[in-house]
Every structure is written in C-alpha cells, then in structure tokens.
Protein backbone atom coordinates (compact mmCIF):
# COMPACT_ATOMS: atom_id res chain seq x y z
CA MET A 1 -41.33 104.92 -28.66
CA SER A 2 -38.47 102.81 -30.02
CA ASN A 3 -39.28 100.29 -32.75
CA VAL A 4 -36.28 98.07 -31.96
CA ALA A 5 -38.40 95.50 -30.11
CA SER A 6 -40.49 94.89 -33.23
CA LEU A 7 -37.56 94.49 -35.55
CA PRO A 8 -37.25 90.67 -35.40
CA ASP A 9 -40.74 90.59 -36.97
CA ARG A 10 -39.65 93.14 -39.55
CA ARG A 11 -36.71 91.32 -41.05
CA VAL A 12 -34.75 93.07 -43.74
CA LEU A 13 -34.83 91.72 -47.28
CA CYS A 14 -31.29 90.64 -48.10
CA ASP A 15 -29.82 89.05 -51.22
CA PHE A 16 -26.49 88.25 -49.59
CA TRP A 17 -25.00 85.32 -47.69
CA TYR A 18 -25.22 87.21 -44.39
CA VAL A 19 -28.78 85.86 -44.15
CA ARG A 20 -27.26 82.60 -42.98
CA GLU A 21 -25.56 84.35 -40.03
CA LEU A 22 -28.39 86.73 -39.05
CA PRO A 23 -31.70 84.89 -39.60
CA ASP A 24 -33.33 86.98 -36.86
CA THR A 25 -32.60 90.19 -38.74
CA LEU A 26 -32.29 89.30 -42.44
CA GLU A 27 -34.74 87.53 -44.72
CA PRO A 28 -33.71 85.87 -48.02
CA ALA A 29 -34.81 88.19 -50.78
CA ASN A 30 -35.05 85.46 -53.39
CA GLY A 31 -36.85 82.92 -51.22
CA LEU A 32 -34.19 80.36 -52.03
CA SER A 33 -30.84 79.52 -50.49
CA PRO A 34 -29.30 82.45 -48.62
CA ILE A 35 -25.97 81.68 -50.29
CA SER A 36 -27.23 81.34 -53.86
CA ARG A 37 -25.84 83.81 -56.36
CA PRO A 38 -27.33 84.91 -59.68
CA ARG A 39 -25.43 83.60 -62.68
CA GLY A 40 -25.33 85.46 -65.95
CA LEU A 41 -26.93 88.73 -66.99
CA LYS A 42 -30.47 87.35 -67.15
CA GLN A 43 -30.41 86.04 -63.57
CA LYS A 44 -28.78 89.20 -62.26
CA LEU A 45 -31.45 91.36 -63.86
CA ALA A 46 -34.16 89.06 -62.52
CA SER A 47 -32.66 89.28 -59.01
CA ALA A 48 -32.44 93.07 -59.13
CA PHE A 49 -35.99 93.59 -60.35
CA GLY A 50 -37.34 90.85 -58.07
CA LEU A 51 -35.88 92.52 -55.00
CA PHE A 52 -37.11 95.88 -56.25
CA ARG A 53 -40.68 94.60 -56.47
CA LYS A 54 -40.55 93.01 -53.01
CA ALA A 55 -39.00 96.12 -51.46
CA ARG A 56 -42.06 98.31 -51.95
CA GLY A 57 -43.42 99.22 -48.56
CA ARG A 58 -40.55 97.55 -46.69
CA GLY A 59 -38.10 99.24 -44.34
CA VAL A 60 -34.58 98.75 -45.64
CA VAL A 61 -33.13 96.24 -48.10
CA VAL A 62 -29.67 94.77 -48.65
CA PRO A 63 -28.94 94.08 -52.34
CA HIS A 64 -25.96 92.07 -53.56
CA TRP A 65 -23.53 94.84 -54.48
CA TYR A 66 -21.14 92.69 -56.52
CA GLU A 67 -23.82 91.07 -58.66
CA TYR A 68 -26.24 93.90 -59.44
CA GLY A 69 -25.80 96.57 -56.75
CA PRO A 70 -25.28 99.63 -58.99
CA LEU A 71 -28.39 98.77 -61.03
CA TYR A 72 -30.45 98.38 -57.88
CA LEU A 73 -29.37 101.80 -56.61
CA VAL A 74 -30.60 103.35 -59.86
CA LEU A 75 -33.95 101.57 -59.58
CA ALA A 76 -34.37 102.64 -55.95
CA ALA A 77 -33.44 106.24 -56.75
CA LEU A 78 -35.96 106.37 -59.61
CA ARG A 79 -38.70 105.24 -57.22
CA ARG A 80 -37.37 107.60 -54.56
CA ASP A 81 -36.70 104.76 -52.15
CA ARG A 82 -34.16 105.82 -49.56
CA ASN A 83 -33.87 102.42 -47.96
CA VAL A 84 -30.69 100.63 -49.11
CA VAL A 85 -27.96 99.26 -46.83
CA LEU A 86 -24.74 98.07 -48.48
CA LEU A 87 -22.89 95.42 -46.47
CA GLU A 88 -19.29 94.33 -46.97
CA PHE A 89 -18.88 97.10 -49.51
CA ILE A 90 -15.68 96.75 -51.51
CA ASP A 91 -15.74 99.25 -54.33
CA LEU A 92 -16.04 97.98 -57.87
CA ARG A 93 -12.82 98.88 -59.65
CA MET A 94 -11.75 98.54 -63.27
CA ASP A 95 -7.99 99.01 -62.78
CA SER A 96 -7.09 95.94 -64.80
CA MET A 97 -9.24 96.94 -67.76
CA PRO A 98 -8.05 99.00 -70.76
CA ARG A 99 -8.01 102.76 -70.19
CA PRO A 100 -11.03 103.53 -72.44
CA VAL A 101 -13.13 101.01 -70.48
CA ARG A 102 -12.01 102.51 -67.18
CA ARG A 103 -12.84 105.98 -68.41
CA VAL A 104 -16.35 104.99 -69.46
CA TYR A 105 -16.95 103.25 -66.13
CA ASP A 106 -15.70 106.28 -64.19
CA LEU A 107 -18.17 108.44 -66.09
CA VAL A 108 -20.98 106.01 -65.31
CA VAL A 109 -20.03 106.19 -61.62
CA GLN A 110 -19.81 109.98 -61.65
CA TRP A 111 -23.07 110.69 -63.45
CA ILE A 112 -25.28 107.70 -62.65
CA VAL A 113 -24.16 105.44 -59.80
CA ALA A 114 -22.95 108.13 -57.39
CA PRO A 115 -26.13 110.25 -57.60
CA ALA A 116 -28.22 107.09 -57.21
CA MET A 117 -26.19 106.10 -54.16
CA ARG A 118 -26.64 109.48 -52.51
CA ALA A 119 -30.39 109.30 -53.16
CA SER A 120 -31.08 105.70 -52.11
CA VAL A 121 -28.48 104.50 -49.57
CA VAL A 122 -28.87 105.05 -45.85
CA ALA A 123 -25.80 103.16 -44.63
CA ILE A 124 -22.64 101.51 -45.95
CA GLN A 125 -20.30 99.08 -44.22
CA VAL A 126 -16.64 99.00 -45.26
CA MET A 127 -13.63 97.03 -44.00
CA THR A 128 -10.99 99.73 -43.45
CA PRO A 129 -10.89 103.45 -42.53
CA ASP A 130 -9.09 104.20 -45.80
CA GLU A 131 -11.94 102.66 -47.74
CA ALA A 132 -14.44 104.77 -45.83
CA GLU A 133 -12.63 107.92 -46.90
CA ALA A 134 -12.24 106.68 -50.48
CA VAL A 135 -15.95 105.85 -50.81
CA ALA A 136 -16.91 109.23 -49.37
CA ARG A 137 -14.67 110.98 -51.92
CA ARG A 138 -15.50 108.91 -54.98
CA TYR A 139 -19.26 108.93 -54.52
CA ARG A 140 -19.46 112.26 -52.69
CA PHE A 141 -21.30 110.31 -50.03
CA GLU A 142 -21.87 111.53 -46.49
CA ARG A 143 -19.03 110.15 -44.36
CA SER A 144 -21.21 109.86 -41.25
CA ARG A 145 -23.29 107.18 -43.00
CA ILE A 146 -20.25 105.00 -43.70
CA ARG A 147 -19.48 102.53 -40.90
CA VAL A 148 -16.15 100.71 -40.55
CA ILE A 149 -16.78 97.18 -39.30
CA PRO A 150 -13.54 95.23 -39.78
CA TRP A 151 -13.59 91.64 -40.92
CA PRO A 152 -12.89 89.21 -38.02
CA LEU A 153 -9.72 87.13 -38.05
CA SER A 154 -11.07 84.45 -35.70
CA GLY A 155 -14.11 82.23 -35.45
CA TRP A 156 -13.83 80.59 -38.87
CA ASP A 157 -12.69 77.17 -37.70
CA ALA A 158 -16.14 75.51 -37.64
CA GLY A 159 -15.34 74.10 -34.21
CA GLY A 160 -11.97 72.71 -35.24
CA ALA A 161 -9.52 75.16 -33.69
CA GLY A 162 -6.19 73.58 -32.93
CA GLN A 163 -7.01 70.36 -34.76
CA ARG A 164 -4.00 70.52 -37.04
CA LEU A 165 -3.56 67.70 -39.48
CA SER A 166 -0.41 66.11 -40.79
CA GLU A 167 -0.16 64.93 -44.37
CA GLY A 168 3.25 63.60 -45.35
CA ALA A 169 6.00 66.03 -46.19
CA PRO A 170 5.53 69.72 -45.26
CA TYR A 171 3.97 71.92 -47.90
CA ALA A 172 3.04 75.52 -48.48
CA PHE A 173 -0.54 76.20 -49.52
CA SER A 174 -1.99 79.14 -51.43
CA SER A 175 -5.48 79.84 -52.71
CA GLY A 176 -7.80 82.62 -53.80
CA ARG A 177 -9.96 84.30 -56.40
CA THR A 178 -9.20 87.98 -55.98
CA ALA A 179 -5.97 89.98 -56.30
CA CYS A 180 -3.87 86.79 -56.53
CA ASP A 181 -0.24 87.45 -57.51
CA TRP A 182 0.48 83.98 -58.84
CA GLU A 183 3.53 85.18 -60.76
CA THR A 184 5.34 86.24 -57.60
CA LEU A 185 4.35 83.02 -55.82
CA PHE A 186 5.75 80.75 -58.53
CA ALA A 187 8.90 82.84 -58.84
CA ALA A 188 9.43 82.50 -55.09
CA ALA A 189 8.83 78.75 -55.18
CA LYS A 190 11.27 78.03 -58.03
CA ASP A 191 13.75 75.26 -57.06
CA ALA A 192 12.49 75.28 -53.45
CA ASP A 193 12.92 72.13 -51.40
CA TRP A 194 9.36 72.31 -50.06
CA ARG A 195 6.13 71.30 -51.77
CA LEU A 196 3.55 73.77 -53.04
CA ARG A 197 -0.18 73.30 -53.42
CA VAL A 198 -2.33 75.90 -55.16
CA VAL A 199 -6.10 76.26 -55.47
CA CYS A 200 -7.18 78.89 -57.97
CA ALA A 201 -10.34 80.13 -59.63
CA ALA A 202 -11.33 78.69 -62.99
CA ALA A 203 -10.59 82.07 -64.57
CA ASP A 204 -6.96 81.81 -63.37
CA LEU A 205 -6.38 78.14 -64.15
CA GLN A 206 -4.74 78.59 -67.54
CA ARG A 207 -2.50 81.31 -66.16
CA VAL A 208 -1.48 79.18 -63.17
CA ARG A 209 -0.79 76.12 -65.30
CA ALA A 210 1.46 78.19 -67.54
CA LEU A 211 3.42 79.35 -64.48
CA ASN A 212 3.68 75.77 -63.25
CA VAL A 213 5.67 74.81 -66.33
CA ASP A 214 7.95 72.45 -64.41
CA GLY A 215 5.01 70.73 -62.76
CA ARG A 216 6.49 71.04 -59.27
CA ALA A 217 3.28 72.42 -57.76
CA GLU A 218 0.00 70.57 -57.34
CA VAL A 219 -2.65 72.78 -58.93
CA LEU A 220 -6.36 72.43 -58.16
CA SER A 221 -9.32 74.60 -59.11
CA GLU A 222 -12.89 75.15 -57.91
CA ILE A 223 -12.77 72.46 -55.22
CA PRO A 224 -15.43 72.22 -52.46
CA LEU A 225 -14.89 74.46 -49.45
CA GLU A 226 -14.55 71.46 -47.16
CA GLU A 227 -11.71 70.09 -49.29
CA HIS A 228 -10.04 73.50 -49.41
CA ASP A 229 -10.11 73.82 -45.63
CA ARG A 230 -8.78 70.28 -45.19
CA LEU A 231 -5.79 71.13 -47.36
CA LEU A 232 -5.31 74.41 -45.54
CA ARG A 233 -5.52 72.80 -42.11
CA SER A 234 -2.81 70.27 -43.02
CA ALA A 235 -0.46 72.85 -44.60
CA SER A 236 2.74 73.98 -42.93
CA VAL A 237 2.36 77.59 -44.08
CA TYR A 238 -0.40 79.49 -45.84
CA VAL A 239 0.88 81.86 -48.54
CA LEU A 240 -1.15 84.94 -49.41
CA PRO A 241 0.58 86.62 -52.39
CA LEU A 242 -1.55 89.62 -53.31
CA ALA A 243 -1.36 92.36 -55.89
CA GLU A 244 -1.96 95.94 -54.76
CA MET A 245 -5.49 96.94 -55.83
CA GLY A 246 -6.15 99.88 -53.56
CA LYS A 247 -9.03 98.13 -51.82
CA SER A 248 -9.74 95.32 -49.37
CA ALA A 249 -8.41 91.91 -50.34
CA GLY A 250 -7.28 88.84 -48.44
CA GLN A 251 -9.02 89.36 -45.09
CA VAL A 252 -11.18 86.25 -45.44
CA ARG A 253 -8.20 84.07 -46.36
CA LEU A 254 -6.07 85.51 -43.58
CA GLY A 255 -8.80 84.99 -41.00
CA THR A 256 -9.48 81.43 -42.08
CA ALA A 257 -5.81 80.47 -41.86
CA ILE A 258 -5.46 82.06 -38.42
CA SER A 259 -8.64 80.32 -37.20
CA LEU A 260 -7.29 76.97 -38.39
CA GLY A 261 -3.96 77.53 -36.67
CA VAL A 262 -1.87 77.84 -39.84
CA PRO A 263 0.94 80.47 -39.92
CA VAL A 264 0.69 82.99 -42.76
CA VAL A 265 3.11 84.79 -45.07
CA ALA A 266 1.30 87.58 -46.92
CA SER A 267 1.89 90.56 -49.19
CA ASP A 268 1.74 93.81 -47.25
CA ILE A 269 -0.89 95.54 -49.40
CA SER A 270 -3.07 98.48 -48.36
CA GLY A 271 -6.15 96.24 -48.35
CA LEU A 272 -4.73 94.36 -45.36
CA ASP A 273 -3.99 97.51 -43.36
CA GLY A 274 -5.10 96.84 -39.81
CA TYR A 275 -5.20 93.08 -40.37
CA LEU A 276 -1.66 92.01 -41.25
CA ALA A 277 0.63 92.81 -38.32
CA ASP A 278 4.16 91.71 -39.21
CA GLY A 279 5.37 88.98 -36.89
CA VAL A 280 2.02 88.82 -35.12
CA THR A 281 -0.86 87.86 -37.43
CA GLY A 282 1.57 86.84 -40.16
CA ILE A 283 4.87 87.57 -41.83
CA ALA A 284 4.52 90.62 -44.07
CA VAL A 285 6.53 90.90 -47.29
CA PRO A 286 6.50 93.66 -49.92
CA PRO A 287 4.00 92.95 -52.73
CA GLY A 288 5.65 91.63 -55.87
CA ASP A 289 8.93 90.83 -54.11
CA ALA A 290 9.63 87.17 -54.92
CA GLY A 291 12.96 87.23 -53.07
CA ALA A 292 11.43 88.43 -49.83
CA LEU A 293 8.59 85.94 -50.15
CA ARG A 294 11.03 83.08 -50.75
CA ALA A 295 13.18 84.08 -47.78
CA ALA A 296 10.19 84.24 -45.44
CA LEU A 297 8.89 80.89 -46.64
CA ASP A 298 12.28 79.20 -46.36
CA ARG A 299 12.63 80.38 -42.76
CA LEU A 300 9.22 79.12 -41.70
CA MET A 301 9.17 75.92 -43.71
CA HIS A 302 12.40 74.80 -42.03
CA ASP A 303 11.51 75.86 -38.48
CA ASP A 304 8.60 74.07 -36.88
CA THR A 305 9.00 76.00 -33.61
CA ALA A 306 8.78 79.35 -35.43
CA ARG A 307 5.68 78.20 -37.29
CA GLN A 308 3.92 77.14 -34.11
CA ALA A 309 4.86 80.35 -32.32
CA LEU A 310 3.58 82.55 -35.17
CA ALA A 311 0.29 80.65 -35.38
CA ALA A 312 -0.18 80.98 -31.61
CA ARG A 313 0.55 84.74 -31.65
CA ALA A 314 -1.91 85.25 -34.48
CA GLN A 315 -4.69 83.38 -32.71
CA ALA A 316 -4.06 85.26 -29.47
CA GLU A 317 -4.13 88.62 -31.30
CA ALA A 318 -7.37 87.77 -33.12
CA ALA A 319 -9.19 86.17 -30.18
CA SER A 320 -10.89 89.29 -28.78
CA TYR A 321 -12.81 90.12 -31.97
CA GLY A 322 -14.24 87.21 -33.89
CA ARG A 323 -17.10 86.06 -36.04
CA ALA A 324 -19.74 86.56 -33.32
CA GLU A 325 -18.62 90.13 -32.59
CA TYR A 326 -18.53 90.97 -36.29
CA PHE A 327 -22.07 89.85 -37.02
CA ALA A 328 -23.33 91.49 -33.84
CA ALA A 329 -21.98 94.80 -35.18
CA VAL A 330 -23.56 94.15 -38.58
CA ARG A 331 -26.89 93.35 -36.90
CA GLU A 332 -26.73 96.63 -34.95
CA LEU A 333 -26.05 98.58 -38.15
CA VAL A 334 -28.95 97.00 -40.04
CA ARG A 335 -31.39 97.35 -37.16
CA SER A 336 -30.43 100.98 -36.64
CA ALA A 337 -31.07 101.70 -40.31
CA GLN A 338 -34.37 99.80 -40.11
CA GLU A 339 -35.47 101.71 -37.03
CA SER A 340 -34.66 105.04 -38.71
CA ALA A 341 -36.61 104.02 -41.80
CA ILE A 342 -39.64 102.98 -39.75
CA SER A 343 -39.51 106.14 -37.64
CA SER A 344 -39.27 108.40 -40.69
CA ARG A 345 -42.43 106.84 -42.14
CA ALA A 346 -44.44 106.90 -38.91
C-alpha cells in the first residue's frame, strides 16, 4: 500500500527557506523562522547537530547545504542514515581561492564529503543538466538519483506583474551577491549618458566603491528586499554582469526581473544555460566583454519600444513554467524520497 496519503502528517525536517513555500510537506528543522540562517561557526555547528538529533527515526531530512551541508552528510553517514535530500544544490567551489586551499578542499571532497554523500543522500536537485553530470562525476554519485528541476523565471512578482513604475530619468539597475562582474559593468558604464544604480553585498562594497571612482553611479548595499524590488521595478533595464564560475548563477535575478516586467541584459555564462535565450528572455553578451555590454545597454536605454517588446517576449516565454510549477516538482521529489524511506523501513 502506498504511503503517499500519510505524507502530509509526516512532514520532512528542513533547514531551508523552502519551508515557507511547502508547509504541507516541509517542517522547520530549527523550530524558528523558515528563512532564518545560522550565522558564524558556532551557530552552524549547532544547526547541524540539532538537525542530526531531531532526524533520528524520521524519514528524510533536508539540511542547508550552503551553511553546513557537507558536515551533516558526514554525521549522517557515521550513523548510517540514508535519508538526506539536497535541494537547490549548487556545488561548493573554491575557484577563487589560492591553489593550495583549492587542493586541500578537493582532497576533502574526494576522501570525506563524496563518500559521505554516497552513503547518506537519497536524492539531489540541481538547476541544469550540465550540473547533474558534473555532480555525478565529482562525487561519483548515482546519476539516476540526481533530478534536474530548473528554476522558474516567472511568478516572482508578488502580485505586481505589469505594475511598472516610473522614477525620473531612465536608469540601468544591477544587483547581486554571487558571481558579480562589477569590473565589466563599470567599464561598460563609463561616460554613458544613462544613470546607473547598483546594489551589492557588504563583502563587495569596498570593491564597488573603488570602481565608482567618478561617483556617477548610485551605490547601495544590503537594502531590504522590498526596497530592492522597488528599484528594480522602476528601472529601465536590469543588468546582470556575471563571471563564469562553471555552475548555476543568476537564475533568481533573471527570473525576478522578468516577473517584474523589466528587460534584461546578461552575461552568457554556462550557469544560465537554458535560462538566457538571446533576444527572448534577455539580451546575451559575452562574459567580461565591456564593449558588448555597453552596446547592448545603449541600444535598449535609448529605445523604449525595444525595451517593452523584450520584456513582453520574456514574460511570454516564461509563463508556462513558474513558481507554482517549480515547487510542485520539488514537493513531488521530496515526497517520493519520503515514501521510499518509509517503505524501506516497513
């Protein structure tokens, strides 16, 4: 007999913000806010061990991969728990670190994390087919247990689709925390006749301020999400200058801009493969090419008709697969893993 019907009463422990979207399937592991994140080593260790204690006797669990995921896999493997689901898995990479640090981390992955993953994980969700193959190779993980569920590019407007705002003179807007190529953006914006607004992470603020030596851009950092989306909604063009990192990056920003009806110019990196369709979901430019980025921005910033047409094409392209469809697929993956775990212990 199938156990699916009983699953809503057997919610999965999850230390990830997806709890907010799937309250019928996921249960906050920390008992606090479903979007809270551990800060500092002490809190991360407490979160990992807290989830580990609560997981005994449960079906499957969803740890926070980016905060303490590798440690949790080791703990689960030591207890011989084969009950972990990794959602929105974007591999931890050390490409920007010095070579000795990368080498040490690669050894840790090879001899500790990968064996723990093979022993404890029942399912992994990734954003692109290339990532599925890369994860299978790097961790020597069974490909059939890796599910590609692409990030949705629609449904992130919080009920405000089409409600474009106007705020004085046209401006280009750029924001982000990951893979941001601020150098190329500021090179492209040099001596432009359009305004530029930038919202960066605190870790990038000094770097961005140094690039904004002439003070022509308005630079903000760590602003509330509501303020960020207000600025995005009133922008003429959203700029997504990304550095190639060999993994997913930019899908959330691309989807938010499309949902809010803002045309996008973005770097054509591998992490946006399947998301950035040139001339459809955005204008694609080669990563690191300030000239191409400037040319694309100049064309759009001076052509209101082209901007509106691009935004409309992007929304039409993204309409058939949105936020609701994405989380429905995630729910199916988690419930399937839960059912298998329950069945195997019956």
